[in-house]
Amino acid sequence: MQSSNTVYEVDFKWKKMKALVSEKDPQTNTSTPKYIVDYHAFKCTALVFHPYEDPEAVIGTGTLHPVTIHATYELHGQKGTIKALKRFMTSYTHLSYNYSNSPDGTPAAMTWTSGSSFKTWDFICLDEQESAVAKFSANCWSLNNIGCVEFLGPKANDPAAREEILVTGMTLFYQMVLRATNFLNFGGAIFARAGPLDKEAAPKRPMENADGKSIRELEATSGIDPGFEKP
């Protein structure tokens, strides 16, 4: 039975060192280009995400680190950390305003887990109720078709939630590829401060203003570091 969930397909273009992210229609099986991802192998900011219709604009970035096992990202000007919950397992967390139901604007602590088979390496994102909200399935043997992102749950069609999952999911995937191929990350795992992010220390972001419009940016006066690590 064909899935009715929204799916993004990610295809890598070797000549241009870019990936094309397309939305696949589950009914017609047709694909519509949505985003372009630039790869910068020798820069700290490894992934840069652009809208397909406006390649000069940037919606987000993903930054990998050669020693630490944590990754960082930026989404519409909002910086965040994808932090390892455990040193030697694929268990990560990031803070989300898009999936938060808190009336005072406290972000939700999302959890990434993984599983693998002979063909795919799956990264599953869970909300605070441990319900799956997305799955990024990476193809282990394909050089061009990187994988696909399947969106689940009540926010499967929310554009802001989709962009968050795309940026954090792809950043986490490449951080794990780096960990598997870089011996420095093994040393980083030994000394890493693994554990949850402190969502209570994060800036509060009200879900809506008086006009019912979504507020996307962090409060300008927060002055709190985006990592929000617990001691």
C-alpha atoms as a PDB file:
ATOM      1  CA  MET A   1       0.000   0.000   0.000  1.00  0.00           C
ATOM      2  CA  GLN A   2       1.406   3.390  -1.039  1.00  0.00           C
ATOM      3  CA  SER A   3       2.155   5.867   1.744  1.00  0.00           C
ATOM      4  CA  SER A   4      -0.074   8.945   1.920  1.00  0.00           C
ATOM      5  CA  ASN A   5       2.450  10.893   4.003  1.00  0.00           C
ATOM      6  CA  THR A   6       4.391  13.836   2.655  1.00  0.00           C
ATOM      7  CA  VAL A   7       7.842  12.808   1.415  1.00  0.00           C
ATOM      8  CA  TYR A   8      10.914  14.805   0.407  1.00  0.00           C
ATOM      9  CA  GLU A   9      13.379  13.049  -1.897  1.00  0.00           C
ATOM     10  CA  VAL A  10      17.058  14.094  -1.742  1.00  0.00           C
ATOM     11  CA  ASP A  11      19.204  13.596  -4.871  1.00  0.00           C
ATOM     12  CA  PHE A  12      22.874  14.524  -5.047  1.00  0.00           C
ATOM     13  CA  LYS A  13      24.400  16.158  -8.144  1.00  0.00           C
ATOM     14  CA  TRP A  14      28.119  15.333  -8.203  1.00  0.00           C
ATOM     15  CA  LYS A  15      29.120  17.842 -10.881  1.00  0.00           C
ATOM     16  CA  LYS A  16      27.631  20.758  -8.967  1.00  0.00           C
ATOM     17  CA  MET A  17      28.217  19.421  -5.430  1.00  0.00           C
ATOM     18  CA  LYS A  18      24.597  20.161  -4.633  1.00  0.00           C
ATOM     19  CA  ALA A  19      21.541  18.186  -3.625  1.00  0.00           C
ATOM     20  CA  LEU A  20      18.055  18.717  -4.993  1.00  0.00           C
ATOM     21  CA  VAL A  21      15.221  18.246  -2.491  1.00  0.00           C
ATOM     22  CA  SER A  22      11.884  17.503  -4.154  1.00  0.00           C
ATOM     23  CA  GLU A  23       8.423  16.928  -2.717  1.00  0.00           C
ATOM     24  CA  LYS A  24       6.891  13.699  -3.971  1.00  0.00           C
ATOM     25  CA  ASP A  25       3.124  13.612  -4.442  1.00  0.00           C
ATOM     26  CA  PRO A  26       1.915  10.270  -2.995  1.00  0.00           C
ATOM     27  CA  GLN A  27      -1.140  10.289  -5.268  1.00  0.00           C
ATOM     28  CA  THR A  28       0.411  11.101  -8.651  1.00  0.00           C
ATOM     29  CA  ASN A  29       3.992   9.967  -7.903  1.00  0.00           C
ATOM     30  CA  THR A  30       5.295  13.222  -9.409  1.00  0.00           C
ATOM     31  CA  SER A  31       8.025  15.351  -7.814  1.00  0.00           C
ATOM     32  CA  THR A  32       8.222  19.124  -7.345  1.00  0.00           C
ATOM     33  CA  PRO A  33      11.616  20.769  -6.618  1.00  0.00           C
ATOM     34  CA  LYS A  34      11.585  22.548  -3.230  1.00  0.00           C
ATOM     35  CA  TYR A  35      15.143  23.192  -2.015  1.00  0.00           C
ATOM     36  CA  ILE A  36      18.781  23.163  -3.099  1.00  0.00           C
ATOM     37  CA  VAL A  37      21.488  22.125  -0.639  1.00  0.00           C
ATOM     38  CA  ASP A  38      25.056  23.344  -1.211  1.00  0.00           C
ATOM     39  CA  TYR A  39      27.896  21.183   0.099  1.00  0.00           C
ATOM     40  CA  HIS A  40      31.098  22.822   1.364  1.00  0.00           C
ATOM     41  CA  ALA A  41      33.453  19.963   2.166  1.00  0.00           C
ATOM     42  CA  PHE A  42      36.326  22.132   3.376  1.00  0.00           C
ATOM     43  CA  LYS A  43      34.377  24.729   5.335  1.00  0.00           C
ATOM     44  CA  CYS A  44      32.944  24.553   8.838  1.00  0.00           C
ATOM     45  CA  THR A  45      29.461  25.322   7.533  1.00  0.00           C
ATOM     46  CA  ALA A  46      29.081  22.135   5.502  1.00  0.00           C
ATOM     47  CA  LEU A  47      25.447  22.427   4.370  1.00  0.00           C
ATOM     48  CA  VAL A  48      23.610  25.506   3.108  1.00  0.00           C
ATOM     49  CA  PHE A  49      19.888  25.230   2.337  1.00  0.00           C
ATOM     50  CA  HIS A  50      18.262  27.438  -0.333  1.00  0.00           C
ATOM     51  CA  PRO A  51      14.669  27.647  -1.619  1.00  0.00           C
ATOM     52  CA  TYR A  52      14.566  26.227  -5.145  1.00  0.00           C
ATOM     53  CA  GLU A  53      12.719  29.287  -6.458  1.00  0.00           C
ATOM     54  CA  ASP A  54      15.238  31.697  -4.903  1.00  0.00           C
ATOM     55  CA  PRO A  55      18.737  30.126  -4.893  1.00  0.00           C
ATOM     56  CA  GLU A  56      20.326  33.267  -3.425  1.00  0.00           C
ATOM     57  CA  ALA A  57      18.187  33.130  -0.276  1.00  0.00           C
ATOM     58  CA  VAL A  58      19.233  30.948   2.679  1.00  0.00           C
ATOM     59  CA  ILE A  59      16.736  29.245   4.975  1.00  0.00           C
ATOM     60  CA  GLY A  60      19.280  27.402   7.072  1.00  0.00           C
ATOM     61  CA  THR A  61      22.747  25.935   7.505  1.00  0.00           C
ATOM     62  CA  GLY A  62      24.254  22.840   9.075  1.00  0.00           C
ATOM     63  CA  THR A  63      27.716  22.850  10.645  1.00  0.00           C
ATOM     64  CA  LEU A  64      29.773  19.721  11.316  1.00  0.00           C
ATOM     65  CA  HIS A  65      32.724  19.603  13.686  1.00  0.00           C
ATOM     66  CA  PRO A  66      35.848  17.450  13.194  1.00  0.00           C
ATOM     67  CA  VAL A  67      36.325  16.620  16.894  1.00  0.00           C
ATOM     68  CA  THR A  68      33.158  17.203  18.887  1.00  0.00           C
ATOM     69  CA  ILE A  69      30.296  14.767  18.301  1.00  0.00           C
ATOM     70  CA  HIS A  70      27.707  17.550  18.514  1.00  0.00           C
ATOM     71  CA  ALA A  71      26.524  19.495  15.443  1.00  0.00           C
ATOM     72  CA  THR A  72      25.130  23.000  15.142  1.00  0.00           C
ATOM     73  CA  TYR A  73      22.629  24.534  12.764  1.00  0.00           C
ATOM     74  CA  GLU A  74      20.840  27.755  11.956  1.00  0.00           C
ATOM     75  CA  LEU A  75      17.243  28.022  10.773  1.00  0.00           C
ATOM     76  CA  HIS A  76      15.883  31.392   9.647  1.00  0.00           C
ATOM     77  CA  GLY A  77      18.444  33.177  11.797  1.00  0.00           C
ATOM     78  CA  GLN A  78      17.780  31.017  14.871  1.00  0.00           C
ATOM     79  CA  LYS A  79      20.843  29.081  16.026  1.00  0.00           C
ATOM     80  CA  GLY A  80      20.646  25.709  17.698  1.00  0.00           C
ATOM     81  CA  THR A  81      22.592  22.619  18.726  1.00  0.00           C
ATOM     82  CA  ILE A  82      22.054  18.982  17.782  1.00  0.00           C
ATOM     83  CA  LYS A  83      23.509  17.413  20.904  1.00  0.00           C
ATOM     84  CA  ALA A  84      24.428  13.798  21.571  1.00  0.00           C
ATOM     85  CA  LEU A  85      22.446  12.212  24.388  1.00  0.00           C
ATOM     86  CA  LYS A  86      24.870   9.274  24.516  1.00  0.00           C
ATOM     87  CA  ARG A  87      28.532   9.076  23.552  1.00  0.00           C
ATOM     88  CA  PHE A  88      28.607   5.887  21.479  1.00  0.00           C
ATOM     89  CA  MET A  89      25.042   5.545  20.219  1.00  0.00           C
ATOM     90  CA  THR A  90      23.030   7.470  17.656  1.00  0.00           C
ATOM     91  CA  SER A  91      20.857   9.321  20.144  1.00  0.00           C
ATOM     92  CA  TYR A  92      20.586  13.075  19.711  1.00  0.00           C
ATOM     93  CA  THR A  93      18.359  15.968  20.727  1.00  0.00           C
ATOM     94  CA  HIS A  94      17.515  19.464  19.547  1.00  0.00           C
ATOM     95  CA  LEU A  95      15.093  22.108  20.797  1.00  0.00           C
ATOM     96  CA  SER A  96      12.047  22.955  18.698  1.00  0.00           C
ATOM     97  CA  TYR A  97       9.623  25.858  18.771  1.00  0.00           C
ATOM     98  CA  ASN A  98       7.666  24.458  15.825  1.00  0.00           C
ATOM     99  CA  TYR A  99       6.694  21.313  17.753  1.00  0.00           C
ATOM    100  CA  SER A 100       6.163  23.046  21.092  1.00  0.00           C
ATOM    101  CA  ASN A 101       2.683  23.238  22.630  1.00  0.00           C
ATOM    102  CA  SER A 102       3.837  25.227  25.647  1.00  0.00           C
ATOM    103  CA  PRO A 103       1.702  28.342  26.230  1.00  0.00           C
ATOM    104  CA  ASP A 104       4.692  30.278  27.588  1.00  0.00           C
ATOM    105  CA  GLY A 105       6.823  29.595  24.508  1.00  0.00           C
ATOM    106  CA  THR A 106       9.194  27.023  26.017  1.00  0.00           C
ATOM    107  CA  PRO A 107      10.632  24.874  23.199  1.00  0.00           C
ATOM    108  CA  ALA A 108      10.064  21.139  22.967  1.00  0.00           C
ATOM    109  CA  ALA A 109      12.981  18.741  23.391  1.00  0.00           C
ATOM    110  CA  MET A 110      13.038  16.509  20.311  1.00  0.00           C
ATOM    111  CA  THR A 111      14.868  13.171  20.198  1.00  0.00           C
ATOM    112  CA  TRP A 112      16.606  11.518  17.243  1.00  0.00           C
ATOM    113  CA  THR A 113      17.161   7.756  17.217  1.00  0.00           C
ATOM    114  CA  SER A 114      18.374   5.488  14.458  1.00  0.00           C
ATOM    115  CA  GLY A 115      18.111   2.018  13.046  1.00  0.00           C
ATOM    116  CA  SER A 116      19.696   0.374  10.042  1.00  0.00           C
ATOM    117  CA  SER A 117      19.189  -2.411   7.546  1.00  0.00           C
ATOM    118  CA  PHE A 118      21.246  -3.712   4.637  1.00  0.00           C
ATOM    119  CA  LYS A 119      19.880  -0.964   2.365  1.00  0.00           C
ATOM    120  CA  THR A 120      19.019   2.037   4.555  1.00  0.00           C
ATOM    121  CA  TRP A 121      20.171   3.977   7.606  1.00  0.00           C
ATOM    122  CA  ASP A 122      17.059   5.411   9.264  1.00  0.00           C
ATOM    123  CA  PHE A 123      16.987   8.470  11.520  1.00  0.00           C
ATOM    124  CA  ILE A 124      13.684   8.884  13.386  1.00  0.00           C
ATOM    125  CA  CYS A 125      12.652  12.113  15.101  1.00  0.00           C
ATOM    126  CA  LEU A 126      10.388  11.819  18.167  1.00  0.00           C
ATOM    127  CA  ASP A 127       8.457  14.548  19.948  1.00  0.00           C
ATOM    128  CA  GLU A 128       8.176  14.871  23.725  1.00  0.00           C
ATOM    129  CA  GLN A 129       5.387  12.279  23.776  1.00  0.00           C
ATOM    130  CA  GLU A 130       7.761   9.894  21.954  1.00  0.00           C
ATOM    131  CA  SER A 131       5.590   9.962  18.843  1.00  0.00           C
ATOM    132  CA  ALA A 132       7.428   9.850  15.528  1.00  0.00           C
ATOM    133  CA  VAL A 133       7.132  13.112  13.602  1.00  0.00           C
ATOM    134  CA  ALA A 134       9.581  12.317  10.785  1.00  0.00           C
ATOM    135  CA  LYS A 135      11.912   9.671   9.386  1.00  0.00           C
ATOM    136  CA  PHE A 136      14.992  10.345   7.285  1.00  0.00           C
ATOM    137  CA  SER A 137      15.983   7.175   5.428  1.00  0.00           C
ATOM    138  CA  ALA A 138      19.470   7.370   3.928  1.00  0.00           C
ATOM    139  CA  ASN A 139      20.414   4.969   1.141  1.00  0.00           C
ATOM    140  CA  CYS A 140      23.557   3.081   2.100  1.00  0.00           C
ATOM    141  CA  TRP A 141      24.615   2.070  -1.423  1.00  0.00           C
ATOM    142  CA  SER A 142      23.451   4.884  -3.699  1.00  0.00           C
ATOM    143  CA  LEU A 143      25.850   7.614  -4.857  1.00  0.00           C
ATOM    144  CA  ASN A 144      23.110   9.900  -6.180  1.00  0.00           C
ATOM    145  CA  ASN A 145      19.855   9.172  -4.362  1.00  0.00           C
ATOM    146  CA  ILE A 146      20.839  10.176  -0.820  1.00  0.00           C
ATOM    147  CA  GLY A 147      17.494   9.239   0.692  1.00  0.00           C
ATOM    148  CA  CYS A 148      14.086  10.569   1.595  1.00  0.00           C
ATOM    149  CA  VAL A 149      12.395  12.390   4.459  1.00  0.00           C
ATOM    150  CA  GLU A 150       8.919  11.221   5.436  1.00  0.00           C
ATOM    151  CA  PHE A 151       6.843  13.598   7.575  1.00  0.00           C
ATOM    152  CA  LEU A 152       4.429  12.103  10.097  1.00  0.00           C
ATOM    153  CA  GLY A 153       1.815  13.225  12.582  1.00  0.00           C
ATOM    154  CA  PRO A 154      -0.401  16.322  12.781  1.00  0.00           C
ATOM    155  CA  LYS A 155       2.353  18.698  11.594  1.00  0.00           C
ATOM    156  CA  ALA A 156       3.322  16.665   8.548  1.00  0.00           C
ATOM    157  CA  ASN A 157       2.108  19.478   6.281  1.00  0.00           C
ATOM    158  CA  ASP A 158       3.414  22.389   8.363  1.00  0.00           C
ATOM    159  CA  PRO A 159       6.023  24.242   6.219  1.00  0.00           C
ATOM    160  CA  ALA A 160       8.030  25.520   9.211  1.00  0.00           C
ATOM    161  CA  ALA A 161       8.145  22.076  10.825  1.00  0.00           C
ATOM    162  CA  ARG A 162       9.226  20.510   7.530  1.00  0.00           C
ATOM    163  CA  GLU A 163      12.114  22.947   7.124  1.00  0.00           C
ATOM    164  CA  GLU A 164      13.257  22.272  10.682  1.00  0.00           C
ATOM    165  CA  ILE A 165      13.286  18.517  10.102  1.00  0.00           C
ATOM    166  CA  LEU A 166      15.055  18.889   6.749  1.00  0.00           C
ATOM    167  CA  VAL A 167      17.864  21.034   8.205  1.00  0.00           C
ATOM    168  CA  THR A 168      18.348  19.110  11.453  1.00  0.00           C
ATOM    169  CA  GLY A 169      17.880  15.669   9.874  1.00  0.00           C
ATOM    170  CA  MET A 170      20.385  16.165   7.067  1.00  0.00           C
ATOM    171  CA  THR A 171      22.874  17.838   9.422  1.00  0.00           C
ATOM    172  CA  LEU A 172      22.628  14.918  11.849  1.00  0.00           C
ATOM    173  CA  PHE A 173      23.060  12.380   9.043  1.00  0.00           C
ATOM    174  CA  TYR A 174      26.295  13.962   7.846  1.00  0.00           C
ATOM    175  CA  GLN A 175      27.542  14.378  11.412  1.00  0.00           C
ATOM    176  CA  MET A 176      27.113  10.615  11.826  1.00  0.00           C
ATOM    177  CA  VAL A 177      28.894   9.975   8.508  1.00  0.00           C
ATOM    178  CA  LEU A 178      31.748  12.136   9.800  1.00  0.00           C
ATOM    179  CA  ARG A 179      31.819  10.198  13.070  1.00  0.00           C
ATOM    180  CA  ALA A 180      32.029   6.919  11.169  1.00  0.00           C
ATOM    181  CA  THR A 181      34.925   8.064   8.971  1.00  0.00           C
ATOM    182  CA  ASN A 182      36.943  10.413  11.200  1.00  0.00           C
ATOM    183  CA  PHE A 183      39.076   8.993  14.015  1.00  0.00           C
ATOM    184  CA  LEU A 184      39.170  12.400  15.740  1.00  0.00           C
ATOM    185  CA  ASN A 185      35.464  12.049  16.475  1.00  0.00           C
ATOM    186  CA  PHE A 186      36.193   8.859  18.415  1.00  0.00           C
ATOM    187  CA  GLY A 187      38.380  10.849  20.778  1.00  0.00           C
ATOM    188  CA  GLY A 188      35.731  13.535  20.872  1.00  0.00           C
ATOM    189  CA  ALA A 189      33.145  10.950  21.924  1.00  0.00           C
ATOM    190  CA  ILE A 190      35.286   9.845  24.865  1.00  0.00           C
ATOM    191  CA  PHE A 191      35.446  13.360  26.319  1.00  0.00           C
ATOM    192  CA  ALA A 192      32.057  14.632  25.128  1.00  0.00           C
ATOM    193  CA  ARG A 193      29.528  16.076  27.569  1.00  0.00           C
ATOM    194  CA  ALA A 194      26.558  14.055  26.402  1.00  0.00           C
ATOM    195  CA  GLY A 195      23.092  14.691  27.784  1.00  0.00           C
ATOM    196  CA  PRO A 196      19.933  16.743  27.292  1.00  0.00           C
ATOM    197  CA  LEU A 197      19.680  20.407  26.404  1.00  0.00           C
ATOM    198  CA  ASP A 198      18.130  22.629  29.061  1.00  0.00           C
ATOM    199  CA  LYS A 199      14.922  23.829  27.439  1.00  0.00           C
ATOM    200  CA  GLU A 200      13.977  25.870  30.516  1.00  0.00           C
ATOM    201  CA  ALA A 201      17.043  28.066  29.938  1.00  0.00           C
ATOM    202  CA  ALA A 202      16.079  28.681  26.326  1.00  0.00           C
ATOM    203  CA  PRO A 203      14.437  31.961  25.315  1.00  0.00           C
ATOM    204  CA  LYS A 204      10.652  31.855  25.389  1.00  0.00           C
ATOM    205  CA  ARG A 205       8.953  32.345  22.063  1.00  0.00           C
ATOM    206  CA  PRO A 206       5.172  32.925  22.176  1.00  0.00           C
ATOM    207  CA  MET A 207       3.366  30.782  19.646  1.00  0.00           C
ATOM    208  CA  GLU A 208       1.198  33.640  18.315  1.00  0.00           C
ATOM    209  CA  ASN A 209       0.905  37.391  18.709  1.00  0.00           C
ATOM    210  CA  ALA A 210      -2.297  39.347  19.261  1.00  0.00           C
ATOM    211  CA  ASP A 211      -3.178  39.108  15.567  1.00  0.00           C
ATOM    212  CA  GLY A 212      -2.722  35.350  15.526  1.00  0.00           C
ATOM    213  CA  LYS A 213       0.405  35.537  13.379  1.00  0.00           C
ATOM    214  CA  SER A 214       3.266  33.122  13.956  1.00  0.00           C
ATOM    215  CA  ILE A 215       6.378  34.650  15.553  1.00  0.00           C
ATOM    216  CA  ARG A 216       9.416  32.976  13.967  1.00  0.00           C
ATOM    217  CA  GLU A 217      12.354  34.780  15.546  1.00  0.00           C
ATOM    218  CA  LEU A 218      13.766  34.462  19.049  1.00  0.00           C
ATOM    219  CA  GLU A 219      13.269  37.367  21.399  1.00  0.00           C
ATOM    220  CA  ALA A 220      15.986  39.870  20.566  1.00  0.00           C
ATOM    221  CA  THR A 221      16.737  40.596  24.212  1.00  0.00           C
ATOM    222  CA  SER A 222      17.240  37.001  25.339  1.00  0.00           C
ATOM    223  CA  GLY A 223      21.036  36.978  25.225  1.00  0.00           C
ATOM    224  CA  ILE A 224      21.137  33.248  25.949  1.00  0.00           C
ATOM    225  CA  ASP A 225      23.555  30.935  24.154  1.00  0.00           C
ATOM    226  CA  PRO A 226      21.770  28.614  21.668  1.00  0.00           C
ATOM    227  CA  GLY A 227      23.352  25.464  23.089  1.00  0.00           C
ATOM    228  CA  PHE A 228      21.485  25.530  26.400  1.00  0.00           C
ATOM    229  CA  GLU A 229      23.564  22.705  27.798  1.00  0.00           C
ATOM    230  CA  LYS A 230      22.794  21.368  31.222  1.00  0.00           C
ATOM    231  CA  PRO A 231      25.805  21.272  33.546  1.00  0.00           C
END
